[in-house]
Amino acid sequence: MKSKLCVLLAAAVCVALLTAPALAAAPRVLWGRSTYYASRYVGQTMSCGGRYRHRKMIAAVDLTVPMKCGKTLMVKNRANGRKIAVTVADRCSCPGRTVIDLSRRAARKLRYVSAGWARVRVKVMPST
């Protein structure tokens, strides 16, 4: 009786895992706020191994988003329509609705340095 129950339970778990969407799959589009790195972080080691350089087109993605280092993202400023491509080089624990931190150069290209933050759409680009 116990063995039949274990087999049924194992089968139910397998079916649930096969039919449910992958839990660790990264979302294709993120909506939220974007901020940018403070200048005090220049030269510090990032979680992906390199050092932060404010002149590079890089980003730090929130820890709650399953995203690999080196992934290319398309970030669009929803206020002015400007778009840029950035590479994930770090992870961050972003407060509130902030989903991404950009380098100062990336923030300048999106034209929100003076405001300090912007509402953005972040799209994961397909791997080539």
N, C-alpha and C. Protein backbone atom coordinates (compact mmCIF):
# COMPACT_ATOMS: atom_id res chain seq x y z
N MET A 1 0.82 -1.19 0.00
CA MET A 1 0.00 0.00 0.00
C MET A 1 0.86 1.25 0.00
N LYS A 2 1.91 1.23 0.85
CA LYS A 2 2.80 2.40 0.92
C LYS A 2 3.53 2.62 -0.39
N SER A 3 3.95 1.53 -1.03
CA SER A 3 4.71 1.67 -2.28
C SER A 3 3.82 2.24 -3.39
N LYS A 4 2.52 1.83 -3.42
CA LYS A 4 1.61 2.37 -4.43
C LYS A 4 1.39 3.87 -4.22
N LEU A 5 1.28 4.28 -2.97
CA LEU A 5 1.11 5.69 -2.65
C LEU A 5 2.33 6.50 -3.08
N CYS A 6 3.52 5.96 -2.83
CA CYS A 6 4.76 6.65 -3.23
C CYS A 6 4.85 6.79 -4.73
N VAL A 7 4.46 5.73 -5.46
CA VAL A 7 4.51 5.77 -6.93
C VAL A 7 3.51 6.80 -7.45
N LEU A 8 2.31 6.83 -6.90
CA LEU A 8 1.32 7.81 -7.33
C LEU A 8 1.77 9.23 -7.03
N LEU A 9 2.35 9.43 -5.85
CA LEU A 9 2.84 10.75 -5.49
C LEU A 9 3.98 11.19 -6.41
N ALA A 10 4.89 10.28 -6.71
CA ALA A 10 6.00 10.59 -7.61
C ALA A 10 5.49 10.92 -9.01
N ALA A 11 4.49 10.17 -9.48
CA ALA A 11 3.92 10.43 -10.80
C ALA A 11 3.24 11.80 -10.83
N ALA A 12 2.53 12.14 -9.77
CA ALA A 12 1.85 13.44 -9.72
C ALA A 12 2.86 14.58 -9.73
N VAL A 13 3.95 14.42 -9.00
CA VAL A 13 5.00 15.44 -8.97
C VAL A 13 5.62 15.59 -10.35
N CYS A 14 5.90 14.48 -11.02
CA CYS A 14 6.48 14.53 -12.36
C CYS A 14 5.56 15.24 -13.35
N VAL A 15 4.27 14.93 -13.31
CA VAL A 15 3.31 15.58 -14.20
C VAL A 15 3.25 17.07 -13.92
N ALA A 16 3.24 17.44 -12.65
CA ALA A 16 3.18 18.86 -12.28
C ALA A 16 4.41 19.60 -12.77
N LEU A 17 5.58 18.97 -12.64
CA LEU A 17 6.81 19.62 -13.08
C LEU A 17 6.89 19.74 -14.59
N LEU A 18 6.37 18.75 -15.30
CA LEU A 18 6.44 18.78 -16.77
C LEU A 18 5.43 19.75 -17.37
N THR A 19 4.28 19.91 -16.72
CA THR A 19 3.25 20.78 -17.30
C THR A 19 3.33 22.22 -16.83
N ALA A 20 3.95 22.47 -15.68
CA ALA A 20 4.06 23.84 -15.16
C ALA A 20 5.16 24.59 -15.88
N PRO A 21 5.05 25.91 -16.02
CA PRO A 21 6.13 26.68 -16.62
C PRO A 21 7.37 26.63 -15.74
N ALA A 22 8.52 26.76 -16.36
CA ALA A 22 9.78 26.70 -15.62
C ALA A 22 9.86 27.84 -14.62
N LEU A 23 10.15 27.50 -13.37
CA LEU A 23 10.21 28.52 -12.33
C LEU A 23 11.43 29.41 -12.48
N ALA A 24 12.51 28.86 -13.00
CA ALA A 24 13.76 29.61 -13.08
C ALA A 24 13.91 30.35 -14.41
N ALA A 25 12.90 30.31 -15.24
CA ALA A 25 13.00 30.98 -16.53
C ALA A 25 12.94 32.49 -16.34
N ALA A 26 13.82 33.18 -17.01
CA ALA A 26 13.86 34.64 -16.93
C ALA A 26 12.69 35.23 -17.71
N PRO A 27 12.06 36.26 -17.18
CA PRO A 27 10.98 36.90 -17.93
C PRO A 27 11.54 37.58 -19.18
N ARG A 28 10.74 37.67 -20.21
CA ARG A 28 11.18 38.29 -21.46
C ARG A 28 11.11 39.81 -21.42
N VAL A 29 10.17 40.36 -20.66
CA VAL A 29 10.02 41.81 -20.56
C VAL A 29 9.80 42.19 -19.09
N LEU A 30 10.51 43.21 -18.64
CA LEU A 30 10.35 43.74 -17.29
C LEU A 30 9.88 45.19 -17.40
N TRP A 31 9.00 45.59 -16.52
CA TRP A 31 8.52 46.97 -16.46
C TRP A 31 8.83 47.50 -15.08
N GLY A 32 9.32 48.71 -15.00
CA GLY A 32 9.59 49.29 -13.69
C GLY A 32 10.47 50.51 -13.79
N ARG A 33 11.18 50.78 -12.69
CA ARG A 33 12.05 51.95 -12.63
C ARG A 33 13.50 51.55 -12.89
N SER A 34 14.24 52.48 -13.42
CA SER A 34 15.67 52.32 -13.62
C SER A 34 16.38 53.46 -12.90
N THR A 35 17.43 53.13 -12.19
CA THR A 35 18.30 54.13 -11.58
C THR A 35 19.68 53.92 -12.17
N TYR A 36 20.64 54.69 -11.70
CA TYR A 36 22.01 54.46 -12.19
C TYR A 36 22.99 54.45 -11.04
N TYR A 37 24.12 53.76 -11.28
CA TYR A 37 25.16 53.61 -10.28
C TYR A 37 25.71 54.96 -9.84
N ALA A 38 25.96 55.10 -8.56
CA ALA A 38 26.62 56.31 -8.05
C ALA A 38 28.09 56.26 -8.42
N SER A 39 28.72 57.40 -8.53
CA SER A 39 30.13 57.46 -8.94
C SER A 39 31.06 56.83 -7.91
N ARG A 40 30.61 56.66 -6.67
CA ARG A 40 31.46 56.05 -5.64
C ARG A 40 31.75 54.57 -5.91
N TYR A 41 30.98 53.94 -6.82
CA TYR A 41 31.20 52.53 -7.13
C TYR A 41 32.22 52.29 -8.24
N VAL A 42 32.74 53.34 -8.86
CA VAL A 42 33.72 53.19 -9.93
C VAL A 42 34.94 52.43 -9.41
N GLY A 43 35.32 51.37 -10.12
CA GLY A 43 36.47 50.56 -9.76
C GLY A 43 36.17 49.41 -8.83
N GLN A 44 34.97 49.35 -8.26
CA GLN A 44 34.64 48.24 -7.37
C GLN A 44 34.29 46.99 -8.16
N THR A 45 34.54 45.84 -7.56
CA THR A 45 34.28 44.57 -8.20
C THR A 45 32.78 44.29 -8.26
N MET A 46 32.32 43.85 -9.43
CA MET A 46 30.92 43.51 -9.62
C MET A 46 30.73 42.01 -9.42
N SER A 47 29.50 41.57 -9.26
CA SER A 47 29.24 40.16 -8.96
C SER A 47 29.61 39.24 -10.12
N CYS A 48 29.70 39.76 -11.32
CA CYS A 48 30.07 38.93 -12.48
C CYS A 48 31.58 38.89 -12.71
N GLY A 49 32.34 39.55 -11.85
CA GLY A 49 33.78 39.43 -11.91
C GLY A 49 34.55 40.66 -12.35
N GLY A 50 34.00 41.50 -13.18
CA GLY A 50 34.72 42.67 -13.64
C GLY A 50 34.65 43.83 -12.66
N ARG A 51 35.23 44.94 -13.04
CA ARG A 51 35.17 46.15 -12.22
C ARG A 51 34.21 47.13 -12.87
N TYR A 52 33.51 47.89 -12.04
CA TYR A 52 32.54 48.84 -12.56
C TYR A 52 33.26 50.02 -13.22
N ARG A 53 32.89 50.27 -14.45
CA ARG A 53 33.38 51.43 -15.21
C ARG A 53 32.15 52.20 -15.69
N HIS A 54 32.07 53.47 -15.31
CA HIS A 54 30.87 54.24 -15.62
C HIS A 54 30.73 54.58 -17.09
N ARG A 55 31.77 54.37 -17.88
CA ARG A 55 31.70 54.67 -19.31
C ARG A 55 31.27 53.48 -20.16
N LYS A 56 31.02 52.33 -19.54
CA LYS A 56 30.58 51.15 -20.28
C LYS A 56 29.06 51.06 -20.26
N MET A 57 28.51 50.37 -21.22
CA MET A 57 27.07 50.17 -21.32
C MET A 57 26.70 48.87 -20.59
N ILE A 58 26.64 48.96 -19.26
CA ILE A 58 26.37 47.78 -18.44
C ILE A 58 25.20 48.03 -17.50
N ALA A 59 24.70 46.94 -16.92
CA ALA A 59 23.55 47.03 -16.03
C ALA A 59 23.67 46.03 -14.89
N ALA A 60 22.99 46.36 -13.81
CA ALA A 60 22.81 45.43 -12.69
C ALA A 60 21.32 45.14 -12.60
N VAL A 61 20.97 43.86 -12.59
CA VAL A 61 19.58 43.45 -12.56
C VAL A 61 19.23 43.02 -11.15
N ASP A 62 18.00 43.25 -10.75
CA ASP A 62 17.53 42.90 -9.41
C ASP A 62 17.75 41.41 -9.13
N LEU A 63 18.10 41.09 -7.89
CA LEU A 63 18.39 39.72 -7.48
C LEU A 63 17.19 38.79 -7.63
N THR A 64 15.99 39.33 -7.59
CA THR A 64 14.80 38.49 -7.71
C THR A 64 14.54 38.04 -9.15
N VAL A 65 15.23 38.62 -10.12
CA VAL A 65 15.06 38.27 -11.53
C VAL A 65 16.13 37.25 -11.91
N PRO A 66 15.75 36.05 -12.35
CA PRO A 66 16.76 35.06 -12.75
C PRO A 66 17.39 35.44 -14.08
N MET A 67 18.57 36.01 -14.02
CA MET A 67 19.24 36.52 -15.22
C MET A 67 20.73 36.21 -15.13
N LYS A 68 21.30 35.70 -16.21
CA LYS A 68 22.72 35.36 -16.23
C LYS A 68 23.57 36.57 -16.60
N CYS A 69 24.80 36.56 -16.10
CA CYS A 69 25.76 37.60 -16.48
C CYS A 69 26.06 37.48 -17.97
N GLY A 70 26.26 38.62 -18.62
CA GLY A 70 26.58 38.62 -20.04
C GLY A 70 25.37 38.70 -20.94
N LYS A 71 24.17 38.61 -20.39
CA LYS A 71 22.95 38.67 -21.19
C LYS A 71 22.75 40.10 -21.70
N THR A 72 22.31 40.23 -22.93
CA THR A 72 22.06 41.55 -23.51
C THR A 72 20.60 41.93 -23.31
N LEU A 73 20.39 43.17 -22.87
CA LEU A 73 19.05 43.69 -22.62
C LEU A 73 18.83 44.95 -23.44
N MET A 74 17.61 45.15 -23.91
CA MET A 74 17.22 46.38 -24.57
C MET A 74 16.39 47.18 -23.56
N VAL A 75 16.87 48.37 -23.21
CA VAL A 75 16.20 49.20 -22.21
C VAL A 75 15.60 50.41 -22.93
N LYS A 76 14.31 50.64 -22.71
CA LYS A 76 13.62 51.77 -23.34
C LYS A 76 13.09 52.71 -22.27
N ASN A 77 13.44 53.99 -22.38
CA ASN A 77 12.89 55.02 -21.51
C ASN A 77 11.48 55.29 -21.99
N ARG A 78 10.50 55.01 -21.14
CA ARG A 78 9.11 55.14 -21.55
C ARG A 78 8.67 56.59 -21.69
N ALA A 79 9.39 57.52 -21.10
CA ALA A 79 9.01 58.93 -21.19
C ALA A 79 9.40 59.55 -22.52
N ASN A 80 10.56 59.17 -23.06
CA ASN A 80 11.02 59.82 -24.30
C ASN A 80 11.23 58.84 -25.46
N GLY A 81 11.06 57.54 -25.24
CA GLY A 81 11.16 56.55 -26.31
C GLY A 81 12.57 56.14 -26.68
N ARG A 82 13.59 56.68 -26.02
CA ARG A 82 14.97 56.32 -26.34
C ARG A 82 15.26 54.89 -25.91
N LYS A 83 16.05 54.16 -26.75
CA LYS A 83 16.40 52.77 -26.48
C LYS A 83 17.90 52.59 -26.50
N ILE A 84 18.39 51.69 -25.64
CA ILE A 84 19.81 51.33 -25.64
C ILE A 84 19.94 49.84 -25.37
N ALA A 85 21.07 49.28 -25.76
CA ALA A 85 21.41 47.89 -25.44
C ALA A 85 22.48 47.91 -24.35
N VAL A 86 22.27 47.11 -23.31
CA VAL A 86 23.24 47.01 -22.22
C VAL A 86 23.51 45.53 -21.94
N THR A 87 24.63 45.27 -21.27
CA THR A 87 25.00 43.92 -20.90
C THR A 87 24.90 43.77 -19.39
N VAL A 88 24.31 42.66 -18.93
CA VAL A 88 24.21 42.40 -17.50
C VAL A 88 25.61 42.07 -16.98
N ALA A 89 26.09 42.90 -16.03
CA ALA A 89 27.42 42.72 -15.47
C ALA A 89 27.40 42.65 -13.96
N ASP A 90 26.23 42.80 -13.35
CA ASP A 90 26.15 42.84 -11.89
C ASP A 90 24.74 42.49 -11.46
N ARG A 91 24.58 42.21 -10.17
CA ARG A 91 23.28 41.97 -9.56
C ARG A 91 23.09 43.00 -8.47
N CYS A 92 21.86 43.37 -8.18
CA CYS A 92 21.61 44.36 -7.13
C CYS A 92 20.34 44.01 -6.38
N SER A 93 20.23 44.53 -5.19
CA SER A 93 18.97 44.41 -4.45
C SER A 93 18.28 45.76 -4.56
N CYS A 94 17.54 45.90 -5.63
CA CYS A 94 16.89 47.17 -5.96
C CYS A 94 15.68 47.39 -5.07
N PRO A 95 15.54 48.60 -4.52
CA PRO A 95 14.39 48.89 -3.65
C PRO A 95 13.12 49.18 -4.44
N GLY A 96 11.99 48.84 -3.89
CA GLY A 96 10.71 49.19 -4.50
C GLY A 96 10.50 48.62 -5.87
N ARG A 97 10.10 49.47 -6.81
CA ARG A 97 9.80 49.02 -8.17
C ARG A 97 10.99 49.11 -9.11
N THR A 98 12.16 49.39 -8.58
CA THR A 98 13.35 49.46 -9.42
C THR A 98 13.75 48.06 -9.87
N VAL A 99 13.90 47.87 -11.18
CA VAL A 99 14.23 46.55 -11.71
C VAL A 99 15.65 46.49 -12.25
N ILE A 100 16.26 47.66 -12.49
CA ILE A 100 17.58 47.66 -13.11
C ILE A 100 18.35 48.92 -12.70
N ASP A 101 19.66 48.75 -12.51
CA ASP A 101 20.58 49.87 -12.32
C ASP A 101 21.47 49.94 -13.55
N LEU A 102 21.61 51.10 -14.12
CA LEU A 102 22.44 51.26 -15.32
C LEU A 102 23.71 52.01 -15.00
N SER A 103 24.70 51.87 -15.86
CA SER A 103 25.90 52.68 -15.74
C SER A 103 25.55 54.13 -16.05
N ARG A 104 26.41 55.03 -15.66
CA ARG A 104 26.13 56.46 -15.90
C ARG A 104 26.03 56.76 -17.40
N ARG A 105 26.85 56.12 -18.21
CA ARG A 105 26.80 56.35 -19.65
C ARG A 105 25.45 55.91 -20.22
N ALA A 106 24.97 54.75 -19.78
CA ALA A 106 23.68 54.25 -20.25
C ALA A 106 22.55 55.19 -19.82
N ALA A 107 22.61 55.67 -18.58
CA ALA A 107 21.60 56.61 -18.10
C ALA A 107 21.64 57.92 -18.89
N ARG A 108 22.83 58.36 -19.24
CA ARG A 108 22.97 59.59 -20.02
C ARG A 108 22.35 59.41 -21.40
N LYS A 109 22.56 58.24 -22.02
CA LYS A 109 21.99 58.00 -23.34
C LYS A 109 20.46 57.95 -23.30
N LEU A 110 19.91 57.49 -22.17
CA LEU A 110 18.46 57.47 -22.01
C LEU A 110 17.93 58.82 -21.52
N ARG A 111 18.85 59.73 -21.21
CA ARG A 111 18.55 61.10 -20.79
C ARG A 111 17.72 61.19 -19.50
N TYR A 112 18.21 60.50 -18.46
CA TYR A 112 17.56 60.67 -17.17
C TYR A 112 18.54 60.91 -16.03
N VAL A 113 19.77 61.29 -16.32
CA VAL A 113 20.76 61.52 -15.28
C VAL A 113 20.31 62.60 -14.31
N SER A 114 19.79 63.70 -14.82
CA SER A 114 19.38 64.79 -13.93
C SER A 114 18.19 64.41 -13.05
N ALA A 115 17.30 63.57 -13.56
CA ALA A 115 16.14 63.14 -12.78
C ALA A 115 16.52 62.07 -11.75
N GLY A 116 17.53 61.26 -12.06
CA GLY A 116 17.97 60.21 -11.14
C GLY A 116 17.32 58.86 -11.38
N TRP A 117 16.16 58.84 -12.01
CA TRP A 117 15.49 57.58 -12.33
C TRP A 117 14.55 57.79 -13.50
N ALA A 118 14.11 56.69 -14.09
CA ALA A 118 13.17 56.76 -15.21
C ALA A 118 12.30 55.51 -15.20
N ARG A 119 11.11 55.64 -15.75
CA ARG A 119 10.26 54.46 -15.97
C ARG A 119 10.74 53.80 -17.25
N VAL A 120 11.03 52.50 -17.18
CA VAL A 120 11.61 51.81 -18.32
C VAL A 120 10.90 50.49 -18.63
N ARG A 121 11.13 50.05 -19.84
CA ARG A 121 10.77 48.70 -20.27
C ARG A 121 12.08 48.00 -20.61
N VAL A 122 12.29 46.84 -20.02
CA VAL A 122 13.53 46.09 -20.25
C VAL A 122 13.17 44.80 -20.96
N LYS A 123 13.74 44.61 -22.16
CA LYS A 123 13.46 43.43 -22.96
C LYS A 123 14.73 42.58 -23.05
N VAL A 124 14.58 41.28 -22.81
CA VAL A 124 15.71 40.36 -22.93
C VAL A 124 15.91 40.03 -24.39
N MET A 125 17.14 40.26 -24.87
CA MET A 125 17.45 40.00 -26.27
C MET A 125 17.81 38.53 -26.45
N PRO A 126 17.42 37.93 -27.57
CA PRO A 126 17.77 36.52 -27.80
C PRO A 126 19.27 36.33 -27.97
N SER A 127 19.75 35.19 -27.52
CA SER A 127 21.19 34.88 -27.66
C SER A 127 21.51 34.61 -29.12
N THR A 128 22.71 35.01 -29.52
CA THR A 128 23.12 34.78 -30.91
C THR A 128 24.12 33.69 -31.00
